[in-house]
Amino acid sequence: MTTYTCSVGCGMKVNGLTCGTCGKELVHDTINKDDGSSVHIAKCPDNCGKIKSPMCCGSDMDHS
């Protein structure tokens, strides 16, 4: 299970993001944008879709 933790340090944690279509747990991934930067995402392993990874305190949360 992927756990997202606040990268700023407030202690907030998020566990168990699941796809509302198929019910499978979302997995962490990264996509590369046209400008060369990357964005952290959580995606469905069955390709139902993807979302921007969680944020806390204005920053992307770290994943484990």
C-alpha atoms as a PDB file:
ATOM      1  CA  MET A   1       0.000   0.000   0.000  1.00  0.00           C
ATOM      2  CA  THR A   2       1.358   3.399  -0.975  1.00  0.00           C
ATOM      3  CA  THR A   3       1.571   5.910   1.852  1.00  0.00           C
ATOM      4  CA  TYR A   4       1.848   9.611   1.070  1.00  0.00           C
ATOM      5  CA  THR A   5       3.459  11.767   3.795  1.00  0.00           C
ATOM      6  CA  CYS A   6       3.647  15.557   4.041  1.00  0.00           C
ATOM      7  CA  SER A   7       7.022  16.646   2.651  1.00  0.00           C
ATOM      8  CA  VAL A   8       6.887  19.897   4.636  1.00  0.00           C
ATOM      9  CA  GLY A   9       6.650  18.091   7.965  1.00  0.00           C
ATOM     10  CA  CYS A  10       3.181  18.651   9.439  1.00  0.00           C
ATOM     11  CA  GLY A  11       2.805  14.877   9.886  1.00  0.00           C
ATOM     12  CA  MET A  12      -0.224  14.352   7.624  1.00  0.00           C
ATOM     13  CA  LYS A  13      -0.323  10.901   5.981  1.00  0.00           C
ATOM     14  CA  VAL A  14      -2.662   9.399   3.378  1.00  0.00           C
ATOM     15  CA  ASN A  15      -3.063   5.641   2.759  1.00  0.00           C
ATOM     16  CA  GLY A  16      -5.009   3.539   0.314  1.00  0.00           C
ATOM     17  CA  LEU A  17      -6.113   5.661  -2.627  1.00  0.00           C
ATOM     18  CA  THR A  18      -8.395   3.476  -4.748  1.00  0.00           C
ATOM     19  CA  CYS A  19      -9.932   3.732  -8.209  1.00  0.00           C
ATOM     20  CA  GLY A  20     -13.641   4.491  -8.086  1.00  0.00           C
ATOM     21  CA  THR A  21     -14.211   2.573 -11.321  1.00  0.00           C
ATOM     22  CA  CYS A  22     -12.529  -0.790 -10.677  1.00  0.00           C
ATOM     23  CA  GLY A  23     -11.701  -0.587  -6.955  1.00  0.00           C
ATOM     24  CA  LYS A  24      -7.970  -1.289  -7.351  1.00  0.00           C
ATOM     25  CA  GLU A  25      -5.377   0.618  -5.359  1.00  0.00           C
ATOM     26  CA  LEU A  26      -3.740   3.492  -7.243  1.00  0.00           C
ATOM     27  CA  VAL A  27       0.018   3.239  -7.801  1.00  0.00           C
ATOM     28  CA  HIS A  28       2.561   6.044  -7.728  1.00  0.00           C
ATOM     29  CA  ASP A  29       4.127   7.149 -11.009  1.00  0.00           C
ATOM     30  CA  THR A  30       5.702  10.178 -12.659  1.00  0.00           C
ATOM     31  CA  ILE A  31       4.904  11.803 -15.990  1.00  0.00           C
ATOM     32  CA  ASN A  32       7.197  14.117 -17.946  1.00  0.00           C
ATOM     33  CA  LYS A  33       5.772  17.383 -19.242  1.00  0.00           C
ATOM     34  CA  ASP A  34       6.666  18.986 -22.578  1.00  0.00           C
ATOM     35  CA  ASP A  35       8.845  21.573 -20.793  1.00  0.00           C
ATOM     36  CA  GLY A  36      11.028  18.795 -19.321  1.00  0.00           C
ATOM     37  CA  SER A  37       9.666  18.981 -15.780  1.00  0.00           C
ATOM     38  CA  SER A  38       8.001  16.019 -14.107  1.00  0.00           C
ATOM     39  CA  VAL A  39       4.769  15.629 -12.156  1.00  0.00           C
ATOM     40  CA  HIS A  40       3.987  12.961  -9.555  1.00  0.00           C
ATOM     41  CA  ILE A  41       0.739  11.120 -10.192  1.00  0.00           C
ATOM     42  CA  ALA A  42      -1.330   8.274  -8.772  1.00  0.00           C
ATOM     43  CA  LYS A  43      -2.684   6.016 -11.508  1.00  0.00           C
ATOM     44  CA  CYS A  44      -4.969   3.032 -11.815  1.00  0.00           C
ATOM     45  CA  PRO A  45      -3.051  -0.180 -12.670  1.00  0.00           C
ATOM     46  CA  ASP A  46      -5.912  -1.093 -15.056  1.00  0.00           C
ATOM     47  CA  ASN A  47      -5.563   2.253 -16.906  1.00  0.00           C
ATOM     48  CA  CYS A  48      -8.935   3.612 -15.743  1.00  0.00           C
ATOM     49  CA  GLY A  49      -7.215   6.987 -15.267  1.00  0.00           C
ATOM     50  CA  LYS A  50      -4.732   9.023 -13.262  1.00  0.00           C
ATOM     51  CA  ILE A  51      -4.736  11.968 -10.865  1.00  0.00           C
ATOM     52  CA  LYS A  52      -2.188  14.427  -9.561  1.00  0.00           C
ATOM     53  CA  SER A  53      -0.599  12.955  -6.441  1.00  0.00           C
ATOM     54  CA  PRO A  54      -1.810  14.385  -3.118  1.00  0.00           C
ATOM     55  CA  MET A  55      -0.523  17.726  -1.836  1.00  0.00           C
ATOM     56  CA  CYS A  56      -0.232  19.036   1.725  1.00  0.00           C
ATOM     57  CA  CYS A  57       0.960  22.385   3.059  1.00  0.00           C
ATOM     58  CA  GLY A  58       1.272  23.563  -0.559  1.00  0.00           C
ATOM     59  CA  SER A  59       3.773  20.860  -1.614  1.00  0.00           C
ATOM     60  CA  ASP A  60       3.633  17.398  -3.171  1.00  0.00           C
ATOM     61  CA  MET A  61       3.458  14.681  -0.545  1.00  0.00           C
ATOM     62  CA  ASP A  62       6.289  12.103  -0.506  1.00  0.00           C
ATOM     63  CA  HIS A  63       5.356   8.496  -1.286  1.00  0.00           C
ATOM     64  CA  SER A  64       6.579   5.191   0.079  1.00  0.00           C
END
